[in-house]
C-alpha atoms as a PDB file:
ATOM      1  CA  UNK A   1      18.401  44.588  -2.236  1.00  0.00           C
ATOM      2  CA  UNK A   2      15.558  46.940  -1.345  1.00  0.00           C
ATOM      3  CA  UNK A   3      15.989  50.666  -1.549  1.00  0.00           C
ATOM      4  CA  UNK A   4      15.522  52.085   1.963  1.00  0.00           C
ATOM      5  CA  UNK A   5      12.299  53.882   2.877  1.00  0.00           C
ATOM      6  CA  UNK A   6      12.436  57.175   4.804  1.00  0.00           C
ATOM      7  CA  UNK A   7      11.424  57.183   8.502  1.00  0.00           C
ATOM      8  CA  UNK A   8       7.698  56.698   9.035  1.00  0.00           C
ATOM      9  CA  UNK A   9       7.200  59.666  11.357  1.00  0.00           C
ATOM     10  CA  UNK A  10       6.621  62.307   8.668  1.00  0.00           C
ATOM     11  CA  UNK A  11       4.942  60.628   5.705  1.00  0.00           C
ATOM     12  CA  UNK A  12       2.821  57.756   4.531  1.00  0.00           C
ATOM     13  CA  UNK A  13       4.840  54.606   3.815  1.00  0.00           C
ATOM     14  CA  UNK A  14       3.250  51.793   1.857  1.00  0.00           C
ATOM     15  CA  UNK A  15       4.924  48.498   1.073  1.00  0.00           C
ATOM     16  CA  UNK A  16       3.330  46.301  -1.542  1.00  0.00           C
ATOM     17  CA  UNK A  17       3.220  42.605  -2.132  1.00  0.00           C
ATOM     18  CA  UNK A  18       5.346  41.859  -5.247  1.00  0.00           C
ATOM     19  CA  UNK A  19       2.634  39.571  -6.610  1.00  0.00           C
ATOM     20  CA  UNK A  20      -0.041  42.261  -6.701  1.00  0.00           C
ATOM     21  CA  UNK A  21      -0.570  44.593  -9.642  1.00  0.00           C
ATOM     22  CA  UNK A  22      -1.486  48.192 -10.459  1.00  0.00           C
ATOM     23  CA  UNK A  23      -3.627  48.882  -7.369  1.00  0.00           C
ATOM     24  CA  UNK A  24      -0.396  49.091  -5.320  1.00  0.00           C
ATOM     25  CA  UNK A  25       0.269  52.514  -6.819  1.00  0.00           C
ATOM     26  CA  UNK A  26      -3.245  53.903  -6.529  1.00  0.00           C
ATOM     27  CA  UNK A  27      -3.348  56.571  -3.830  1.00  0.00           C
ATOM     28  CA  UNK A  28      -6.474  57.879  -2.128  1.00  0.00           C
ATOM     29  CA  UNK A  29      -6.655  61.660  -2.160  1.00  0.00           C
ATOM     30  CA  UNK A  30      -8.893  61.886   0.929  1.00  0.00           C
ATOM     31  CA  UNK A  31      -5.878  63.074   2.945  1.00  0.00           C
ATOM     32  CA  UNK A  32      -4.958  65.706   0.357  1.00  0.00           C
ATOM     33  CA  UNK A  33      -6.905  68.873   0.909  1.00  0.00           C
ATOM     34  CA  UNK A  34      -8.225  70.118  -2.416  1.00  0.00           C
ATOM     35  CA  UNK A  35      -6.954  73.671  -1.937  1.00  0.00           C
ATOM     36  CA  UNK A  36      -4.061  74.821  -4.126  1.00  0.00           C
ATOM     37  CA  UNK A  37      -0.591  74.267  -2.695  1.00  0.00           C
ATOM     38  CA  UNK A  38      -1.508  71.553  -0.201  1.00  0.00           C
ATOM     39  CA  UNK A  39       1.257  68.873  -0.167  1.00  0.00           C
ATOM     40  CA  UNK A  40       1.119  65.192   0.767  1.00  0.00           C
ATOM     41  CA  UNK A  41       4.363  63.154   0.982  1.00  0.00           C
ATOM     42  CA  UNK A  42       4.031  59.587  -0.319  1.00  0.00           C
ATOM     43  CA  UNK A  43       6.763  56.911  -0.124  1.00  0.00           C
ATOM     44  CA  UNK A  44       5.946  53.488  -1.479  1.00  0.00           C
ATOM     45  CA  UNK A  45       7.421  50.377  -3.006  1.00  0.00           C
ATOM     46  CA  UNK A  46       5.622  48.276  -5.582  1.00  0.00           C
ATOM     47  CA  UNK A  47       6.435  46.006  -8.521  1.00  0.00           C
ATOM     48  CA  UNK A  48       6.287  47.654 -11.938  1.00  0.00           C
ATOM     49  CA  UNK A  49       6.758  45.996 -15.305  1.00  0.00           C
ATOM     50  CA  UNK A  50       8.901  48.162 -17.575  1.00  0.00           C
ATOM     51  CA  UNK A  51      11.241  47.082 -20.338  1.00  0.00           C
ATOM     52  CA  UNK A  52      12.794  48.136 -23.588  1.00  0.00           C
ATOM     53  CA  UNK A  53      14.525  45.946 -26.151  1.00  0.00           C
ATOM     54  CA  UNK A  54      17.848  45.767 -24.304  1.00  0.00           C
ATOM     55  CA  UNK A  55      16.977  46.034 -20.595  1.00  0.00           C
ATOM     56  CA  UNK A  56      14.162  45.630 -18.090  1.00  0.00           C
ATOM     57  CA  UNK A  57      13.278  46.437 -14.500  1.00  0.00           C
ATOM     58  CA  UNK A  58      14.281  43.306 -12.550  1.00  0.00           C
ATOM     59  CA  UNK A  59      11.163  41.081 -12.547  1.00  0.00           C
ATOM     60  CA  UNK A  60       9.623  40.778  -9.088  1.00  0.00           C
ATOM     61  CA  UNK A  61      11.685  43.606  -7.631  1.00  0.00           C
ATOM     62  CA  UNK A  62      10.089  46.563  -5.911  1.00  0.00           C
ATOM     63  CA  UNK A  63      10.340  50.004  -7.480  1.00  0.00           C
ATOM     64  CA  UNK A  64      10.764  52.747  -4.875  1.00  0.00           C
ATOM     65  CA  UNK A  65       8.696  55.875  -5.426  1.00  0.00           C
ATOM     66  CA  UNK A  66       8.990  58.980  -3.270  1.00  0.00           C
ATOM     67  CA  UNK A  67       6.740  61.839  -4.384  1.00  0.00           C
ATOM     68  CA  UNK A  68       5.019  64.883  -3.017  1.00  0.00           C
ATOM     69  CA  UNK A  69       1.453  65.204  -4.262  1.00  0.00           C
ATOM     70  CA  UNK A  70       0.357  68.820  -4.404  1.00  0.00           C
ATOM     71  CA  UNK A  71      -3.119  70.061  -5.104  1.00  0.00           C
ATOM     72  CA  UNK A  72      -3.238  72.654  -7.891  1.00  0.00           C
ATOM     73  CA  UNK A  73      -6.093  74.289  -9.740  1.00  0.00           C
ATOM     74  CA  UNK A  74      -7.693  71.575 -11.848  1.00  0.00           C
ATOM     75  CA  UNK A  75      -5.463  68.712 -10.760  1.00  0.00           C
ATOM     76  CA  UNK A  76      -2.611  67.277  -8.729  1.00  0.00           C
ATOM     77  CA  UNK A  77       1.131  67.563  -9.377  1.00  0.00           C
ATOM     78  CA  UNK A  78       3.410  64.653  -8.426  1.00  0.00           C
ATOM     79  CA  UNK A  79       7.065  65.630  -7.882  1.00  0.00           C
ATOM     80  CA  UNK A  80       9.785  63.318  -6.672  1.00  0.00           C
ATOM     81  CA  UNK A  81      12.024  60.377  -7.445  1.00  0.00           C
ATOM     82  CA  UNK A  82      11.599  56.854  -8.801  1.00  0.00           C
ATOM     83  CA  UNK A  83      14.332  54.263  -8.153  1.00  0.00           C
ATOM     84  CA  UNK A  84      14.596  50.723  -9.498  1.00  0.00           C
ATOM     85  CA  UNK A  85      17.014  47.902 -10.255  1.00  0.00           C
ATOM     86  CA  UNK A  86      17.430  46.900 -13.897  1.00  0.00           C
ATOM     87  CA  UNK A  87      18.981  44.016 -15.795  1.00  0.00           C
ATOM     88  CA  UNK A  88      19.866  43.354 -19.399  1.00  0.00           C
ATOM     89  CA  UNK A  89      22.324  41.673 -21.719  1.00  0.00           C
ATOM     90  CA  UNK A  90      25.733  43.370 -21.825  1.00  0.00           C
ATOM     91  CA  UNK A  91      26.202  44.916 -25.260  1.00  0.00           C
ATOM     92  CA  UNK A  92      29.864  43.834 -25.347  1.00  0.00           C
ATOM     93  CA  UNK A  93      30.195  40.383 -23.722  1.00  0.00           C
ATOM     94  CA  UNK A  94      26.537  39.206 -23.731  1.00  0.00           C
ATOM     95  CA  UNK A  95      26.628  38.371 -19.996  1.00  0.00           C
ATOM     96  CA  UNK A  96      23.852  39.586 -17.715  1.00  0.00           C
ATOM     97  CA  UNK A  97      24.333  43.198 -16.644  1.00  0.00           C
ATOM     98  CA  UNK A  98      22.695  44.781 -13.591  1.00  0.00           C
ATOM     99  CA  UNK A  99      22.331  48.346 -12.412  1.00  0.00           C
ATOM    100  CA  UNK A 100      20.172  50.945 -10.688  1.00  0.00           C
ATOM    101  CA  UNK A 101      18.166  53.730 -12.218  1.00  0.00           C
ATOM    102  CA  UNK A 102      16.934  56.960 -10.696  1.00  0.00           C
ATOM    103  CA  UNK A 103      14.400  59.192 -12.410  1.00  0.00           C
ATOM    104  CA  UNK A 104      13.188  62.576 -11.265  1.00  0.00           C
ATOM    105  CA  UNK A 105       9.525  63.193 -12.013  1.00  0.00           C
ATOM    106  CA  UNK A 106       7.226  66.206 -12.032  1.00  0.00           C
ATOM    107  CA  UNK A 107       3.931  65.326 -13.674  1.00  0.00           C
ATOM    108  CA  UNK A 108       0.407  66.706 -13.761  1.00  0.00           C
ATOM    109  CA  UNK A 109      -2.631  64.520 -13.090  1.00  0.00           C
ATOM    110  CA  UNK A 110      -5.966  65.993 -14.198  1.00  0.00           C
ATOM    111  CA  UNK A 111      -9.490  64.810 -14.977  1.00  0.00           C
ATOM    112  CA  UNK A 112      -9.483  63.542 -18.565  1.00  0.00           C
ATOM    113  CA  UNK A 113      -5.697  63.191 -18.517  1.00  0.00           C
ATOM    114  CA  UNK A 114      -4.061  60.334 -20.349  1.00  0.00           C
ATOM    115  CA  UNK A 115      -6.126  60.918 -23.467  1.00  0.00           C
ATOM    116  CA  UNK A 116      -4.281  60.694 -26.782  1.00  0.00           C
ATOM    117  CA  UNK A 117      -4.050  64.467 -27.210  1.00  0.00           C
ATOM    118  CA  UNK A 118      -3.064  65.244 -23.588  1.00  0.00           C
ATOM    119  CA  UNK A 119       0.361  65.193 -21.983  1.00  0.00           C
ATOM    120  CA  UNK A 120      -0.975  64.556 -18.498  1.00  0.00           C
ATOM    121  CA  UNK A 121      -2.006  61.530 -16.462  1.00  0.00           C
ATOM    122  CA  UNK A 122      -5.612  60.727 -15.450  1.00  0.00           C
ATOM    123  CA  UNK A 123      -6.972  61.871 -12.101  1.00  0.00           C
ATOM    124  CA  UNK A 124      -9.908  60.078 -10.494  1.00  0.00           C
ATOM    125  CA  UNK A 125     -12.516  61.709  -8.272  1.00  0.00           C
ATOM    126  CA  UNK A 126     -10.669  60.838  -5.084  1.00  0.00           C
ATOM    127  CA  UNK A 127      -7.667  58.822  -6.237  1.00  0.00           C
ATOM    128  CA  UNK A 128      -4.541  59.031  -8.364  1.00  0.00           C
ATOM    129  CA  UNK A 129      -2.842  56.013  -9.993  1.00  0.00           C
ATOM    130  CA  UNK A 130       0.928  56.589 -10.042  1.00  0.00           C
ATOM    131  CA  UNK A 131       1.665  53.355 -11.964  1.00  0.00           C
ATOM    132  CA  UNK A 132       1.683  54.843 -15.500  1.00  0.00           C
ATOM    133  CA  UNK A 133       3.986  57.687 -14.394  1.00  0.00           C
ATOM    134  CA  UNK A 134       6.338  55.307 -12.556  1.00  0.00           C
ATOM    135  CA  UNK A 135       6.436  52.887 -15.517  1.00  0.00           C
ATOM    136  CA  UNK A 136       7.143  55.731 -17.981  1.00  0.00           C
ATOM    137  CA  UNK A 137       9.892  57.143 -15.751  1.00  0.00           C
ATOM    138  CA  UNK A 138      11.568  53.715 -15.534  1.00  0.00           C
ATOM    139  CA  UNK A 139      11.338  53.132 -19.281  1.00  0.00           C
ATOM    140  CA  UNK A 140      12.968  56.492 -20.023  1.00  0.00           C
ATOM    141  CA  UNK A 141      15.909  55.690 -17.714  1.00  0.00           C
ATOM    142  CA  UNK A 142      16.573  52.084 -18.760  1.00  0.00           C
ATOM    143  CA  UNK A 143      19.887  51.828 -20.642  1.00  0.00           C
ATOM    144  CA  UNK A 144      19.673  51.302 -24.400  1.00  0.00           C
ATOM    145  CA  UNK A 145      23.112  49.645 -24.421  1.00  0.00           C
ATOM    146  CA  UNK A 146      23.655  48.036 -21.009  1.00  0.00           C
ATOM    147  CA  UNK A 147      27.178  47.149 -19.922  1.00  0.00           C
ATOM    148  CA  UNK A 148      28.226  44.702 -17.193  1.00  0.00           C
ATOM    149  CA  UNK A 149      30.999  47.184 -16.326  1.00  0.00           C
ATOM    150  CA  UNK A 150      32.381  50.319 -17.994  1.00  0.00           C
ATOM    151  CA  UNK A 151      35.656  48.546 -18.767  1.00  0.00           C
ATOM    152  CA  UNK A 152      34.098  45.364 -20.227  1.00  0.00           C
ATOM    153  CA  UNK A 153      36.486  43.906 -22.824  1.00  0.00           C
ATOM    154  CA  UNK A 154      33.737  42.187 -24.801  1.00  0.00           C
ATOM    155  CA  UNK A 155      34.126  39.153 -27.076  1.00  0.00           C
ATOM    156  CA  UNK A 156      36.942  38.318 -29.452  1.00  0.00           C
ATOM    157  CA  UNK A 157      35.716  39.164 -32.944  1.00  0.00           C
ATOM    158  CA  UNK A 158      37.298  36.010 -34.385  1.00  0.00           C
ATOM    159  CA  UNK A 159      36.679  33.164 -31.909  1.00  0.00           C
ATOM    160  CA  UNK A 160      34.027  34.651 -29.604  1.00  0.00           C
ATOM    161  CA  UNK A 161      35.978  34.187 -26.366  1.00  0.00           C
ATOM    162  CA  UNK A 162      34.813  36.399 -23.527  1.00  0.00           C
ATOM    163  CA  UNK A 163      37.925  38.559 -23.079  1.00  0.00           C
ATOM    164  CA  UNK A 164      36.898  39.419 -19.510  1.00  0.00           C
ATOM    165  CA  UNK A 165      37.418  35.771 -18.527  1.00  0.00           C
ATOM    166  CA  UNK A 166      40.184  34.508 -20.850  1.00  0.00           C
ATOM    167  CA  UNK A 167      42.610  35.771 -23.426  1.00  0.00           C
ATOM    168  CA  UNK A 168      42.771  34.074 -26.812  1.00  0.00           C
ATOM    169  CA  UNK A 169      45.484  33.265 -29.352  1.00  0.00           C
ATOM    170  CA  UNK A 170      43.616  34.505 -32.416  1.00  0.00           C
ATOM    171  CA  UNK A 171      45.549  36.487 -34.979  1.00  0.00           C
ATOM    172  CA  UNK A 172      43.194  39.424 -34.476  1.00  0.00           C
ATOM    173  CA  UNK A 173      42.524  39.060 -30.742  1.00  0.00           C
ATOM    174  CA  UNK A 174      40.518  42.252 -30.825  1.00  0.00           C
ATOM    175  CA  UNK A 175      37.304  42.783 -28.953  1.00  0.00           C
ATOM    176  CA  UNK A 176      34.033  42.706 -30.815  1.00  0.00           C
ATOM    177  CA  UNK A 177      32.191  45.862 -29.793  1.00  0.00           C
END
């Protein structure tokens, strides 16, 4: 399922090939006037690889990014929303769990950004690469303990039966959480 893109009449809409890499999120700043306060709406979809130990952005899926790029003194601010589908192993029953994430971003891109001692992202002469910001936003929103559903019953602590599918006759019969 793709996340819908806003109508094309007011902003730039880019759709990327899921087999391509980082360049899908590199935006030319030629259309952004370099005077403070000038906005440029960008809506795009591109694959992004982001994962933590328990969950990952669904491989091959497109991450939807809707941001306003605004020229500020010494850089560009990106403000908006990142949306993606995720998957992981349910922490209770060990089945595959799926979900959606939404992250709100407001980040500064500046020349020399991305260095170890800076908390900003790098800004090129006439381009900005949104991929590191989008990847970081996804990683911060991925669940540490994914669940297939909020009321997942988990596994029996004695026999290992998935209590969502079957009940068991164990003396304990309690879910393993």
